[in-house]
């Protein structure tokens, strides 16, 4: 039984080490924009979670025009602000988009 506990403790330590190292390794390849991107979700929603997801979706649409592989998780200084009016809420997402692949410039006609 003691042997199983030792193996479990070792595995837990290795997992913690890998989790601690993974974000740092990923962040080395990322570049970030100079300015934050801000976006409001569309309309008021009866669900705060839906409001936050709508704001993230709008933010991501803008962020991927800067870095095509930008995500909310890789954003620098991500911030979510929500307002409530009665039973409804609306959220705004703000963060500096980061990614490894700059987006292609829009085509000129």
N, C-alpha and C. Protein backbone atom coordinates (compact mmCIF):
# COMPACT_ATOMS: atom_id res chain seq x y z
N UNK A 1 0.82 -1.19 0.00
CA UNK A 1 0.00 0.00 0.00
C UNK A 1 0.87 1.26 0.00
N UNK A 2 1.97 1.21 0.73
CA UNK A 2 2.87 2.35 0.77
C UNK A 2 3.50 2.60 -0.59
N UNK A 3 3.76 1.55 -1.34
CA UNK A 3 4.35 1.67 -2.67
C UNK A 3 3.38 2.39 -3.61
N UNK A 4 2.09 2.06 -3.53
CA UNK A 4 1.08 2.71 -4.37
C UNK A 4 0.98 4.20 -4.02
N UNK A 5 1.06 4.52 -2.76
CA UNK A 5 1.00 5.92 -2.34
C UNK A 5 2.21 6.70 -2.85
N UNK A 6 3.37 6.06 -2.85
CA UNK A 6 4.58 6.72 -3.36
C UNK A 6 4.47 6.99 -4.85
N UNK A 7 3.96 5.99 -5.58
CA UNK A 7 3.79 6.16 -7.04
C UNK A 7 2.79 7.29 -7.31
N UNK A 8 1.69 7.31 -6.57
CA UNK A 8 0.68 8.35 -6.74
C UNK A 8 1.27 9.73 -6.45
N UNK A 9 2.03 9.85 -5.38
CA UNK A 9 2.64 11.14 -5.02
C UNK A 9 3.63 11.58 -6.10
N UNK A 10 4.41 10.65 -6.63
CA UNK A 10 5.36 10.97 -7.70
C UNK A 10 4.62 11.43 -8.95
N UNK A 11 3.56 10.71 -9.34
CA UNK A 11 2.79 11.06 -10.53
C UNK A 11 2.13 12.43 -10.37
N UNK A 12 1.64 12.70 -9.18
CA UNK A 12 1.02 14.00 -8.91
C UNK A 12 2.06 15.12 -9.01
N UNK A 13 3.25 14.87 -8.52
CA UNK A 13 4.32 15.87 -8.61
C UNK A 13 4.73 16.13 -10.05
N UNK A 14 4.82 15.08 -10.86
CA UNK A 14 5.17 15.22 -12.28
C UNK A 14 4.07 15.99 -13.01
N UNK A 15 2.81 15.67 -12.73
CA UNK A 15 1.69 16.37 -13.37
C UNK A 15 1.71 17.85 -13.01
N UNK A 16 1.97 18.17 -11.75
CA UNK A 16 2.02 19.56 -11.33
C UNK A 16 3.16 20.30 -12.03
N UNK A 17 4.30 19.64 -12.18
CA UNK A 17 5.44 20.24 -12.86
C UNK A 17 5.13 20.51 -14.32
N UNK A 18 4.50 19.54 -14.99
CA UNK A 18 4.14 19.73 -16.40
C UNK A 18 3.13 20.85 -16.58
N UNK A 19 2.17 20.94 -15.68
CA UNK A 19 1.17 22.01 -15.77
C UNK A 19 1.82 23.38 -15.56
N UNK A 20 2.80 23.44 -14.69
CA UNK A 20 3.48 24.70 -14.42
C UNK A 20 4.36 25.12 -15.60
N UNK A 21 4.96 24.17 -16.28
CA UNK A 21 5.86 24.48 -17.39
C UNK A 21 5.13 24.73 -18.70
N UNK A 22 3.98 24.12 -18.91
CA UNK A 22 3.29 24.20 -20.20
C UNK A 22 2.93 25.63 -20.60
N UNK A 23 2.33 26.47 -19.75
CA UNK A 23 2.00 27.82 -20.19
C UNK A 23 3.24 28.63 -20.58
N UNK A 24 4.32 28.49 -19.88
CA UNK A 24 5.54 29.22 -20.20
C UNK A 24 6.12 28.80 -21.54
N UNK A 25 6.06 27.53 -21.83
CA UNK A 25 6.59 27.04 -23.10
C UNK A 25 5.74 27.54 -24.25
N UNK A 26 4.42 27.58 -24.07
CA UNK A 26 3.53 28.04 -25.12
C UNK A 26 3.68 29.55 -25.33
N UNK A 27 3.84 30.29 -24.26
CA UNK A 27 3.89 31.75 -24.35
C UNK A 27 5.11 32.26 -25.10
N UNK A 28 6.17 31.48 -25.18
CA UNK A 28 7.38 31.93 -25.88
C UNK A 28 7.14 32.15 -27.36
N UNK A 29 6.24 31.38 -27.97
CA UNK A 29 5.98 31.47 -29.40
C UNK A 29 4.96 32.55 -29.75
N UNK A 30 4.29 33.12 -28.77
CA UNK A 30 3.22 34.07 -29.04
C UNK A 30 3.73 35.50 -29.15
N UNK A 31 3.07 36.24 -30.04
CA UNK A 31 3.29 37.68 -30.14
C UNK A 31 1.97 38.32 -29.75
N UNK A 32 2.03 39.55 -29.25
CA UNK A 32 0.81 40.22 -28.82
C UNK A 32 0.66 41.55 -29.54
N UNK A 33 -0.58 41.96 -29.72
CA UNK A 33 -0.88 43.24 -30.35
C UNK A 33 -0.45 44.37 -29.42
N UNK A 34 -0.37 45.57 -29.98
CA UNK A 34 0.02 46.75 -29.18
C UNK A 34 -1.12 47.27 -28.32
N UNK A 35 -2.35 47.12 -28.79
CA UNK A 35 -3.51 47.69 -28.11
C UNK A 35 -4.52 46.59 -27.78
N UNK A 36 -5.30 46.79 -26.71
CA UNK A 36 -6.35 45.81 -26.41
C UNK A 36 -7.49 45.93 -27.41
N UNK A 37 -8.20 44.84 -27.56
CA UNK A 37 -9.41 44.80 -28.37
C UNK A 37 -10.58 44.76 -27.41
N UNK A 38 -11.62 45.55 -27.70
CA UNK A 38 -12.81 45.61 -26.84
C UNK A 38 -14.04 45.28 -27.67
N UNK A 39 -14.95 44.52 -27.09
CA UNK A 39 -16.17 44.16 -27.80
C UNK A 39 -17.30 43.89 -26.82
N UNK A 40 -18.49 44.38 -27.16
CA UNK A 40 -19.70 44.10 -26.41
C UNK A 40 -20.42 42.93 -27.05
N UNK A 41 -21.07 42.12 -26.24
CA UNK A 41 -21.95 41.08 -26.77
C UNK A 41 -23.19 41.76 -27.36
N UNK A 42 -23.86 41.08 -28.25
CA UNK A 42 -25.03 41.65 -28.90
C UNK A 42 -26.24 41.57 -27.97
N UNK A 43 -26.84 42.71 -27.64
CA UNK A 43 -28.07 42.75 -26.86
C UNK A 43 -27.94 42.25 -25.43
N UNK A 44 -29.05 42.37 -24.71
CA UNK A 44 -29.13 41.89 -23.33
C UNK A 44 -29.62 40.45 -23.34
N UNK A 45 -29.16 39.67 -22.38
CA UNK A 45 -29.52 38.25 -22.29
C UNK A 45 -30.01 37.95 -20.88
N UNK A 46 -30.96 37.01 -20.74
CA UNK A 46 -31.41 36.65 -19.39
C UNK A 46 -30.38 35.80 -18.64
N UNK A 47 -29.36 35.35 -19.32
CA UNK A 47 -28.33 34.51 -18.69
C UNK A 47 -26.99 35.23 -18.67
N UNK A 48 -26.40 35.44 -17.49
CA UNK A 48 -25.07 36.05 -17.43
C UNK A 48 -24.02 35.25 -18.20
N UNK A 49 -24.13 33.92 -18.17
CA UNK A 49 -23.17 33.09 -18.91
C UNK A 49 -23.30 33.30 -20.41
N UNK A 50 -24.53 33.42 -20.91
CA UNK A 50 -24.74 33.68 -22.33
C UNK A 50 -24.20 35.05 -22.71
N UNK A 51 -24.37 36.02 -21.83
CA UNK A 51 -23.86 37.36 -22.09
C UNK A 51 -22.34 37.36 -22.19
N UNK A 52 -21.69 36.64 -21.29
CA UNK A 52 -20.22 36.56 -21.30
C UNK A 52 -19.74 35.84 -22.56
N UNK A 53 -20.41 34.77 -22.94
CA UNK A 53 -20.01 34.03 -24.15
C UNK A 53 -20.23 34.88 -25.40
N UNK A 54 -21.31 35.66 -25.43
CA UNK A 54 -21.56 36.53 -26.59
C UNK A 54 -20.46 37.59 -26.71
N UNK A 55 -20.03 38.14 -25.58
CA UNK A 55 -18.96 39.14 -25.60
C UNK A 55 -17.64 38.51 -26.06
N UNK A 56 -17.34 37.30 -25.59
CA UNK A 56 -16.12 36.60 -26.02
C UNK A 56 -16.17 36.32 -27.52
N UNK A 57 -17.34 35.94 -28.02
CA UNK A 57 -17.49 35.65 -29.45
C UNK A 57 -17.21 36.89 -30.28
N UNK A 58 -17.75 38.04 -29.87
CA UNK A 58 -17.51 39.29 -30.59
C UNK A 58 -16.05 39.72 -30.48
N UNK A 59 -15.46 39.52 -29.29
CA UNK A 59 -14.05 39.85 -29.10
C UNK A 59 -13.18 38.99 -30.01
N UNK A 60 -13.50 37.70 -30.07
CA UNK A 60 -12.71 36.78 -30.89
C UNK A 60 -12.79 37.14 -32.37
N UNK A 61 -13.97 37.59 -32.82
CA UNK A 61 -14.11 38.00 -34.22
C UNK A 61 -13.16 39.15 -34.54
N UNK A 62 -13.01 40.09 -33.61
CA UNK A 62 -12.09 41.21 -33.82
C UNK A 62 -10.63 40.77 -33.65
N UNK A 63 -10.37 39.94 -32.64
CA UNK A 63 -8.99 39.52 -32.34
C UNK A 63 -8.39 38.70 -33.47
N UNK A 64 -9.20 37.88 -34.13
CA UNK A 64 -8.66 37.03 -35.20
C UNK A 64 -8.37 37.82 -36.47
N UNK A 65 -8.76 39.07 -36.52
CA UNK A 65 -8.34 39.91 -37.64
C UNK A 65 -6.90 40.40 -37.43
N UNK A 66 -6.39 40.25 -36.20
CA UNK A 66 -5.02 40.65 -35.88
C UNK A 66 -4.11 39.42 -35.88
N UNK A 67 -4.50 38.39 -35.14
CA UNK A 67 -3.80 37.10 -35.11
C UNK A 67 -4.83 36.02 -35.41
N UNK A 68 -4.62 35.29 -36.48
CA UNK A 68 -5.62 34.31 -36.91
C UNK A 68 -5.81 33.18 -35.90
N UNK A 69 -4.83 32.94 -35.03
CA UNK A 69 -4.96 31.88 -34.04
C UNK A 69 -5.19 32.43 -32.62
N UNK A 70 -5.63 33.67 -32.52
CA UNK A 70 -5.89 34.27 -31.21
C UNK A 70 -7.05 33.55 -30.52
N UNK A 71 -6.95 33.42 -29.21
CA UNK A 71 -8.03 32.87 -28.40
C UNK A 71 -8.16 33.71 -27.14
N UNK A 72 -9.27 33.58 -26.47
CA UNK A 72 -9.48 34.28 -25.21
C UNK A 72 -8.46 33.79 -24.17
N UNK A 73 -8.11 32.51 -24.24
CA UNK A 73 -7.18 31.93 -23.27
C UNK A 73 -5.76 32.46 -23.45
N UNK A 74 -5.37 32.86 -24.67
CA UNK A 74 -4.02 33.36 -24.88
C UNK A 74 -3.95 34.88 -24.81
N UNK A 75 -5.08 35.54 -24.59
CA UNK A 75 -5.10 37.00 -24.51
C UNK A 75 -4.32 37.48 -23.30
N UNK A 76 -3.65 38.61 -23.48
CA UNK A 76 -2.93 39.25 -22.37
C UNK A 76 -3.91 40.21 -21.70
N UNK A 77 -3.94 40.18 -20.39
CA UNK A 77 -4.80 41.04 -19.58
C UNK A 77 -6.27 40.93 -19.97
N UNK A 78 -6.83 39.70 -20.05
CA UNK A 78 -8.25 39.56 -20.39
C UNK A 78 -9.12 40.11 -19.27
N UNK A 79 -10.21 40.77 -19.65
CA UNK A 79 -11.11 41.35 -18.67
C UNK A 79 -12.53 41.23 -19.18
N UNK A 80 -13.44 40.86 -18.30
CA UNK A 80 -14.85 40.76 -18.64
C UNK A 80 -15.61 41.68 -17.70
N UNK A 81 -16.40 42.58 -18.27
CA UNK A 81 -17.21 43.49 -17.47
C UNK A 81 -18.67 43.29 -17.88
N UNK A 82 -19.54 43.11 -16.89
CA UNK A 82 -20.96 42.89 -17.19
C UNK A 82 -21.81 43.91 -16.45
N UNK A 83 -22.89 44.30 -17.10
CA UNK A 83 -23.87 45.18 -16.48
C UNK A 83 -25.20 44.43 -16.43
N UNK A 84 -26.00 44.76 -15.44
CA UNK A 84 -27.28 44.10 -15.27
C UNK A 84 -28.37 45.16 -15.25
N UNK A 85 -29.45 44.85 -15.96
CA UNK A 85 -30.63 45.71 -15.95
C UNK A 85 -31.81 44.80 -15.69
N UNK A 86 -32.32 44.85 -14.47
CA UNK A 86 -33.39 43.94 -14.09
C UNK A 86 -32.89 42.51 -14.11
N UNK A 87 -33.53 41.67 -14.88
CA UNK A 87 -33.14 40.27 -14.97
C UNK A 87 -32.18 39.99 -16.13
N UNK A 88 -31.81 41.03 -16.86
CA UNK A 88 -30.99 40.85 -18.05
C UNK A 88 -29.59 41.41 -17.85
N UNK A 89 -28.64 40.85 -18.58
CA UNK A 89 -27.26 41.32 -18.48
C UNK A 89 -26.65 41.45 -19.86
N UNK A 90 -25.60 42.26 -19.91
CA UNK A 90 -24.83 42.46 -21.13
C UNK A 90 -23.38 42.59 -20.71
N UNK A 91 -22.48 41.94 -21.45
CA UNK A 91 -21.08 41.92 -21.06
C UNK A 91 -20.19 42.51 -22.16
N UNK A 92 -19.04 42.99 -21.74
CA UNK A 92 -18.01 43.48 -22.65
C UNK A 92 -16.72 42.75 -22.33
N UNK A 93 -16.05 42.33 -23.37
CA UNK A 93 -14.76 41.63 -23.23
C UNK A 93 -13.66 42.56 -23.72
N UNK A 94 -12.54 42.54 -23.01
CA UNK A 94 -11.39 43.35 -23.39
C UNK A 94 -10.13 42.55 -23.12
N UNK A 95 -9.18 42.63 -24.04
CA UNK A 95 -7.92 41.93 -23.86
C UNK A 95 -7.02 42.18 -25.05
N UNK A 96 -5.73 42.03 -24.82
CA UNK A 96 -4.74 42.19 -25.89
C UNK A 96 -4.61 40.85 -26.60
N UNK A 97 -4.99 40.78 -27.88
CA UNK A 97 -4.90 39.50 -28.59
C UNK A 97 -3.45 39.07 -28.79
N UNK A 98 -3.20 37.78 -28.59
CA UNK A 98 -1.88 37.21 -28.80
C UNK A 98 -2.03 35.97 -29.67
N UNK A 99 -1.02 35.72 -30.47
CA UNK A 99 -1.04 34.54 -31.32
C UNK A 99 0.31 34.35 -31.98
N UNK A 100 0.45 33.23 -32.65
CA UNK A 100 1.69 32.92 -33.35
C UNK A 100 1.60 33.22 -34.84
N UNK A 101 0.37 33.39 -35.35
CA UNK A 101 0.17 33.58 -36.78
C UNK A 101 -0.54 34.91 -37.04
N UNK A 102 0.17 35.94 -37.50
CA UNK A 102 -0.50 37.19 -37.84
C UNK A 102 -1.54 36.96 -38.94
N UNK A 103 -2.67 37.63 -38.83
CA UNK A 103 -3.74 37.48 -39.82
C UNK A 103 -3.31 38.15 -41.12
N UNK A 104 -3.79 37.62 -42.20
CA UNK A 104 -3.52 38.21 -43.51
C UNK A 104 -4.25 39.53 -43.62
N UNK A 105 -3.65 40.54 -44.22
CA UNK A 105 -4.36 41.82 -44.36
C UNK A 105 -5.58 41.65 -45.25
N UNK A 106 -6.64 42.45 -45.02
CA UNK A 106 -7.83 42.33 -45.86
C UNK A 106 -7.52 42.64 -47.31
N UNK A 107 -8.19 41.93 -48.21
CA UNK A 107 -7.96 42.14 -49.64
C UNK A 107 -8.58 43.47 -50.08
N UNK A 108 -7.83 44.19 -50.89
CA UNK A 108 -8.31 45.47 -51.44
C UNK A 108 -8.96 45.19 -52.79
N UNK A 109 -10.11 45.77 -53.03
CA UNK A 109 -10.79 45.60 -54.33
C UNK A 109 -10.46 46.71 -55.25
